Protein backbone atom coordinates (compact mmCIF):
# COMPACT_ATOMS: atom_id res chain seq x y z
CA MET A 1 153.35 131.21 -177.09
CA HIS A 2 151.23 134.31 -177.61
CA VAL A 3 147.67 132.99 -177.70
CA PHE A 4 144.62 134.86 -179.00
CA LYS A 5 140.95 134.04 -178.95
CA VAL A 6 139.78 135.33 -182.33
CA THR A 7 136.00 135.70 -182.73
CA LYS A 8 133.23 137.93 -184.05
CA TYR A 9 131.92 138.35 -180.50
CA ASP A 10 132.51 141.78 -178.96
CA PRO A 11 133.91 141.28 -175.41
CA ALA A 12 131.61 144.12 -174.31
CA HIS A 13 128.64 141.87 -175.08
CA PHE A 14 129.35 139.30 -172.37
CA GLY A 15 127.66 139.26 -168.99
CA ASP A 16 126.89 136.93 -166.13
CA ARG A 17 124.81 134.74 -168.44
CA GLY A 18 127.30 134.73 -171.27
CA TYR A 19 127.03 136.38 -174.66
CA PHE A 20 124.06 138.70 -175.25
CA GLY A 21 125.12 140.42 -178.47
CA PRO A 22 123.68 140.24 -181.99
CA GLU A 23 126.00 137.68 -183.59
CA ASP A 24 124.76 134.21 -184.50
CA CYS A 25 126.70 131.09 -183.47
CA ARG A 26 126.75 129.82 -187.06
CA SER A 27 129.09 130.85 -189.83
CA ASP A 28 127.66 133.46 -192.15
CA HIS A 29 129.47 131.79 -195.10
CA GLY A 30 130.21 135.38 -196.08
CA PRO A 31 132.24 138.42 -194.98
CA LEU A 32 132.63 137.41 -191.33
CA GLU A 33 133.78 133.93 -192.29
CA ALA A 34 136.19 135.53 -194.77
CA ALA A 35 137.52 137.66 -191.92
CA TYR A 36 138.24 134.52 -189.87
CA LEU A 37 140.19 133.04 -192.77
CA ALA A 38 142.08 136.30 -193.31
CA ALA A 39 142.95 136.25 -189.60
CA VAL A 40 144.62 132.84 -189.98
CA GLU A 41 146.61 134.19 -192.92
CA ALA A 42 147.59 137.38 -191.06
CA PHE A 43 148.88 135.59 -187.97
CA ALA A 44 150.68 133.01 -190.13
CA GLU A 45 152.34 135.80 -192.09
CA ASP A 46 153.48 137.56 -188.92
CA THR A 47 154.92 134.25 -187.71
CA GLY A 48 156.64 133.47 -191.01
CA VAL A 49 154.59 130.30 -191.55
CA THR A 50 153.73 129.04 -195.04
CA GLU A 51 153.00 125.39 -194.25
CA LEU A 52 150.94 123.71 -191.52
CA THR A 53 150.91 120.24 -189.99
CA ILE A 54 147.62 118.40 -189.56
CA ARG A 55 147.19 116.87 -186.10
CA GLU A 56 144.46 114.57 -184.78
CA PRO A 57 142.33 114.72 -187.96
CA GLU A 58 138.74 113.52 -187.82
CA VAL A 59 135.72 113.21 -190.06
CA ALA A 60 132.06 113.18 -189.03
CA GLY A 61 131.11 110.37 -186.68
CA PHE A 62 127.89 108.84 -185.35
CA VAL A 63 126.97 111.98 -183.39
CA ASN A 64 127.15 115.55 -184.71
CA PHE A 65 127.59 118.28 -182.09
CA GLY A 66 127.79 121.10 -184.61
CA LEU A 67 125.04 123.61 -185.32
CA GLU A 68 125.12 123.02 -189.07
CA PRO A 69 124.56 119.62 -190.71
CA ASN A 70 127.57 117.69 -191.96
CA VAL A 71 128.04 117.56 -195.73
CA ASP A 72 129.05 114.76 -198.06
CA GLY A 73 132.82 114.59 -198.18
CA HIS A 74 133.19 116.31 -194.78
CA GLY A 75 134.29 119.55 -196.47
CA LEU A 76 137.40 117.85 -197.87
CA ILE A 77 136.32 117.52 -201.50
CA GLY A 78 138.78 119.39 -203.68
CA LEU A 79 141.38 119.47 -200.92
CA PHE A 80 142.24 115.75 -200.85
CA PRO A 81 141.48 112.72 -203.06
CA ALA A 82 138.33 110.71 -202.41
CA ASP A 83 140.29 108.18 -200.34
CA LEU A 84 141.64 111.09 -198.21
CA THR A 85 145.27 110.41 -199.10
CA GLY A 86 147.27 113.24 -197.54
CA TYR A 87 144.73 113.89 -194.77
CA HIS A 88 146.31 112.18 -191.79
CA ASP A 89 148.11 112.98 -188.58
CA GLY A 90 151.46 114.57 -189.32
CA ALA A 91 150.65 115.51 -192.93
CA ARG A 92 152.08 118.85 -194.00
CA VAL A 93 149.89 121.06 -196.15
CA PRO A 94 150.28 124.54 -197.70
CA LEU A 95 148.82 127.43 -195.76
CA ALA A 96 146.05 127.76 -198.36
CA THR A 97 144.90 124.20 -197.67
CA GLY A 98 145.02 124.88 -193.93
CA VAL A 99 142.83 127.95 -194.42
CA ALA A 100 140.35 125.83 -196.41
CA LEU A 101 140.28 123.31 -193.55
CA VAL A 102 139.47 126.16 -191.15
CA ARG A 103 136.54 127.08 -193.40
CA ALA A 104 135.25 123.50 -193.28
CA MET A 105 135.47 123.51 -189.48
CA LEU A 106 133.72 126.85 -189.15
CA ARG A 107 130.89 125.44 -191.25
CA ASP A 108 130.63 122.16 -189.27
CA ASN A 109 131.15 120.28 -192.54
CA GLY A 110 132.41 117.19 -190.71
CA ALA A 111 136.20 117.46 -190.85
CA TRP A 112 138.10 118.63 -187.77
CA CYS A 113 141.78 118.81 -186.90
CA ARG A 114 144.38 120.87 -185.13
CA LEU A 115 146.72 122.85 -187.40
CA GLU A 116 150.20 123.45 -186.07
CA VAL A 117 153.83 124.26 -186.66
CA ASP A 118 155.63 122.64 -183.76
CA GLY A 119 156.59 125.23 -181.15
CA ARG A 120 155.79 128.18 -183.44
CA PHE A 121 152.15 128.34 -184.44
CA PHE A 122 148.73 126.75 -184.09
CA VAL A 123 145.11 127.21 -185.10
CA HIS A 124 142.33 125.50 -183.15
CA VAL A 125 138.68 125.86 -184.16
CA GLY A 126 136.04 125.20 -181.51
CA TYR A 127 132.28 125.26 -181.40
CA ASP A 128 130.17 128.37 -182.03
CA GLN A 129 132.81 130.17 -184.12
CA TYR A 130 135.48 130.33 -181.43
CA MET A 131 138.97 130.21 -182.93
CA TYR A 132 142.26 130.16 -181.04
CA ILE A 133 145.55 131.13 -182.65
CA GLY A 134 148.94 130.79 -181.02
CA SER A 135 152.25 132.16 -182.25
CA SER A 136 155.82 132.33 -181.06
CA GLU A 137 155.72 135.98 -182.14
CA PRO A 138 153.65 138.82 -180.60
CA CYS A 139 151.92 139.40 -183.98
CA ASP A 140 151.10 143.05 -183.27
CA ASP A 141 150.56 143.75 -186.96
CA ALA A 142 148.18 140.80 -187.33
CA VAL A 143 146.20 141.93 -184.29
CA GLY A 144 145.70 145.33 -185.88
CA ARG A 145 144.75 143.91 -189.25
CA VAL A 146 142.28 141.44 -187.76
CA SER A 147 140.69 144.12 -185.59
CA ALA A 148 140.22 146.24 -188.72
CA LEU A 149 138.32 143.32 -190.28
CA GLY A 150 135.71 143.53 -187.51
CA LEU A 151 136.90 140.57 -185.42
CA PHE A 152 138.13 140.65 -181.83
CA PRO A 153 141.59 139.10 -181.27
CA VAL A 154 141.70 138.89 -177.47
CA PRO A 155 144.87 137.72 -175.67
CA PHE A 156 144.13 134.40 -174.01
CA GLY A 157 146.04 132.21 -171.57
CA GLU A 158 145.93 128.88 -173.39
CA SER A 159 143.78 127.32 -176.07
CA PRO A 160 141.12 125.09 -174.49
CA TYR A 161 141.84 122.71 -177.37
CA ASP A 162 145.48 122.27 -176.37
CA PRO A 163 145.87 118.46 -176.35
CA TYR A 164 148.05 118.62 -173.27
CA PHE A 165 145.03 119.57 -171.16
CA ASN A 166 144.24 115.85 -171.45
CA GLU A 167 146.23 113.09 -169.82
CA LEU A 168 148.11 111.56 -172.73
CA GLU A 169 149.27 108.00 -173.16
CA VAL A 170 152.06 106.70 -175.34
CA PRO A 171 150.50 104.01 -177.55
CA ARG A 172 152.26 100.79 -178.38
CA PRO A 173 154.31 101.24 -181.57
CA ALA A 174 153.58 99.01 -184.54
CA ASP A 175 157.19 97.85 -184.57
CA ASP A 176 158.76 94.57 -185.62
CA ALA A 177 157.55 92.89 -182.42
CA PHE A 178 153.96 93.92 -183.15
CA TRP A 179 154.10 92.64 -186.72
CA ALA A 180 155.62 89.35 -185.56
CA GLU A 181 152.79 88.94 -183.03
CA LEU A 182 150.21 89.78 -185.68
CA THR A 183 151.73 87.25 -188.07
CA GLN A 184 151.61 84.55 -185.40
CA LEU A 185 147.96 85.37 -184.65
CA ALA A 186 147.14 85.02 -188.33
CA LEU A 187 148.96 81.69 -188.45
CA ASP A 188 147.15 80.38 -185.38
CA ARG A 189 143.71 81.58 -186.49
CA GLU A 190 144.22 81.21 -190.28
CA THR A 191 142.85 84.76 -190.77
CA VAL A 192 142.34 87.89 -188.69
CA VAL A 193 140.79 91.28 -189.49
CA LEU A 194 142.94 94.41 -189.28
CA GLU A 195 141.16 97.71 -188.70
CA GLU A 196 143.19 100.64 -190.03
CA VAL A 197 141.89 103.78 -188.30
CA TYR A 198 143.43 106.28 -190.68
CA VAL A 199 141.64 109.33 -189.26
CA GLY A 200 139.25 109.73 -186.34
CA ASN A 201 135.86 108.09 -187.06
CA ALA A 202 137.06 106.43 -190.28
CA SER A 203 138.48 102.94 -190.78
CA ARG A 204 139.59 100.62 -193.54
CA TRP A 205 139.29 96.87 -192.96
CA HIS A 206 141.74 94.23 -194.16
CA ARG A 207 141.39 90.44 -193.90
CA LEU A 208 144.87 89.04 -193.33
CA ARG A 209 146.52 85.70 -193.64
CA ALA A 210 150.08 85.42 -192.35
CA ALA A 211 151.43 85.71 -195.89
CA ASP A 212 149.57 89.02 -196.38
CA VAL A 213 151.24 90.85 -193.50
CA PRO A 214 154.42 92.15 -195.27
CA ALA A 215 152.45 93.67 -198.15
CA ILE A 216 149.79 95.37 -196.02
CA ARG A 217 152.46 96.84 -193.75
CA ASP A 218 153.73 98.94 -196.67
CA GLU A 219 150.27 100.20 -197.69
CA LEU A 220 148.96 101.71 -194.46
CA THR A 221 148.33 105.39 -193.82
CA PRO A 222 151.11 107.12 -191.82
CA ARG A 223 150.41 107.24 -188.07
CA ALA A 224 147.32 105.06 -188.46
CA ARG A 225 145.93 103.30 -185.39
CA LEU A 226 145.90 99.55 -185.96
CA VAL A 227 143.34 97.31 -184.26
CA VAL A 228 143.31 93.54 -184.75
CA TRP A 229 140.02 91.62 -184.47
CA PRO A 230 138.99 87.99 -184.86
CA GLU A 231 137.54 86.80 -188.14
CA LEU A 232 133.95 87.82 -188.93
CA ASN A 233 131.12 85.40 -188.15
CA GLU A 234 129.64 83.69 -191.23
CA ASP A 235 126.44 83.06 -189.23
CA VAL A 236 125.16 86.64 -189.52
CA VAL A 237 121.85 85.87 -187.79
CA ALA A 238 123.64 84.44 -184.76
CA GLU A 239 125.97 87.45 -184.65
CA LEU A 240 123.01 89.85 -184.59
CA ARG A 241 121.54 87.97 -181.62
CA THR A 242 124.36 89.43 -179.54
CA LEU A 243 122.97 92.92 -180.14
CA ASP A 244 121.02 94.43 -177.22
CA ASP A 245 118.38 97.06 -177.86
CA SER A 246 120.26 99.64 -175.78
CA ASP A 247 123.62 99.06 -177.42
CA LEU A 248 125.62 101.60 -179.40
CA VAL A 249 127.63 99.41 -181.74
CA THR A 250 129.79 99.22 -184.81
CA ILE A 251 128.56 96.66 -187.32
CA VAL A 252 131.42 95.29 -189.43
CA TRP A 253 130.23 93.31 -192.42
CA GLU A 254 131.42 91.68 -195.62
CA ASP A 255 129.45 91.99 -198.85
CA ARG A 256 129.18 89.37 -201.59
CA ASP A 257 132.28 90.76 -203.31
CA GLY A 258 134.40 90.28 -200.19
CA ARG A 259 134.54 94.01 -199.36
CA ILE A 260 134.54 94.70 -195.62
CA THR A 261 132.97 97.95 -194.38
CA HIS A 262 131.24 99.17 -191.24
CA PHE A 263 128.52 101.44 -189.95
CA TRP A 264 127.45 102.73 -186.56
CA ALA A 265 124.08 101.80 -185.18
CA ASP A 266 121.88 101.82 -182.11
CA GLY A 267 120.39 98.54 -180.94
CA GLU A 268 116.92 99.97 -181.44
CA ASP A 269 117.67 99.97 -185.19
CA ARG A 270 117.62 96.16 -185.25
CA PRO A 271 115.01 95.89 -188.07
CA ALA A 272 116.98 98.28 -190.28
CA ILE A 273 120.23 96.49 -189.44
CA THR A 274 118.70 93.13 -190.37
CA VAL A 275 117.57 94.49 -193.75
CA HIS A 276 120.95 96.15 -194.34
CA LEU A 277 122.77 92.86 -193.72
CA ALA A 278 120.40 90.66 -195.71
CA LYS A 279 123.10 89.97 -198.31
CA ALA A 280 126.10 89.98 -195.96
CA LYS A 281 128.50 87.03 -196.18
CA SER A 282 129.73 87.59 -192.62
CA ALA A 283 129.52 90.16 -189.85
CA MET A 284 130.83 91.21 -186.45
CA VAL A 285 129.17 93.36 -183.78
CA LEU A 286 131.55 95.56 -181.81
CA SER A 287 130.45 97.43 -178.71
CA GLY A 288 130.68 101.21 -178.75
CA TYR A 289 131.49 101.31 -175.03
CA ALA A 290 135.08 101.56 -173.83
CA ASP A 291 134.65 98.96 -171.07
CA ASP A 292 133.65 96.35 -173.65
CA TYR A 293 136.32 97.24 -176.20
CA ASP A 294 138.46 94.10 -176.43
CA PRO A 295 140.53 93.67 -179.62
CA LEU A 296 143.26 91.06 -179.99
CA LEU A 297 146.00 93.68 -180.53
CA MET A 298 146.37 97.45 -180.78
CA ALA A 299 149.24 99.66 -181.91
CA VAL A 300 150.04 102.91 -183.73
CA LEU A 301 152.30 103.30 -186.73
CA PRO A 302 155.48 105.15 -185.76
CA ASP A 303 157.24 107.61 -188.04
CA ASP A 304 160.12 106.43 -190.21
CA ASP A 305 162.56 107.12 -187.35
CA GLY A 306 160.64 104.70 -185.11
CA VAL A 307 159.15 107.39 -182.86
CA VAL A 308 155.43 107.39 -182.09
CA ARG A 309 154.19 110.96 -182.36
CA VAL A 310 150.47 110.27 -182.19
CA ARG A 311 148.89 112.00 -179.17
CA ARG A 312 146.15 109.90 -177.62
CA SER A 313 144.14 110.84 -174.57
CA LYS A 314 143.62 108.19 -171.90
């Protein structure tokens, strides 16, 4: 792959202490941002790419590391339906949609993903307006066009956002054996709660009896991560007693209409949490720390050919 770091930062303006030039780390939402988007189009055109695959999609989580505040809808409004159908790992989108996703990432709107064409092309957007584009072609014409726009396409060894810089694990597939085990758990416990992590930092929650398993299996988002939890506690006050003041937790709760949702919280927010759950029918406190993460089952939906293509870091 021919990899380029594409930015507004002049390489001549870097020294021992980093960048000392005039450019701001935020998007200008104007001509420079437009140049970034034109750069994606130019490199895609040189590569012969008209469609991109979304990989490892996320929406805004509990902590925002961006320089601009997240926005409602994560920058995805107008690109995908409100339930984010079509925004998932492995989804193929037109180049124009990919370019709009790059804009949302440059603006720290909340959405983030890698955009790829396997073995031929990728676009990775990092912090502070650093963008990395890789192509199977040298893209000499694109380099010239992007330079003329006032950006600096600098040849680079590898994108720092290449997922293979991380040690990857192959998750358990949600195959027939998984669904049989889930069904048995639901039979033994009467009900369980299935967390469908359809993109990073976003989940849907499903209460399942054994009889519900076949129907829910057909409704899940492609490549979703599936996490099975015990039933929620109807004694909400007792459940909240398990919350320590220093904890980072996910509060899963059921409202009076039987709808299960969640929110992230810090243990120091106990008074606000208590008020928020005043009308909850049931609740569950889940630790935000990996060492305490202990679901009943976990798996990832494979593709239709049975192959798991989700890339998960250990």
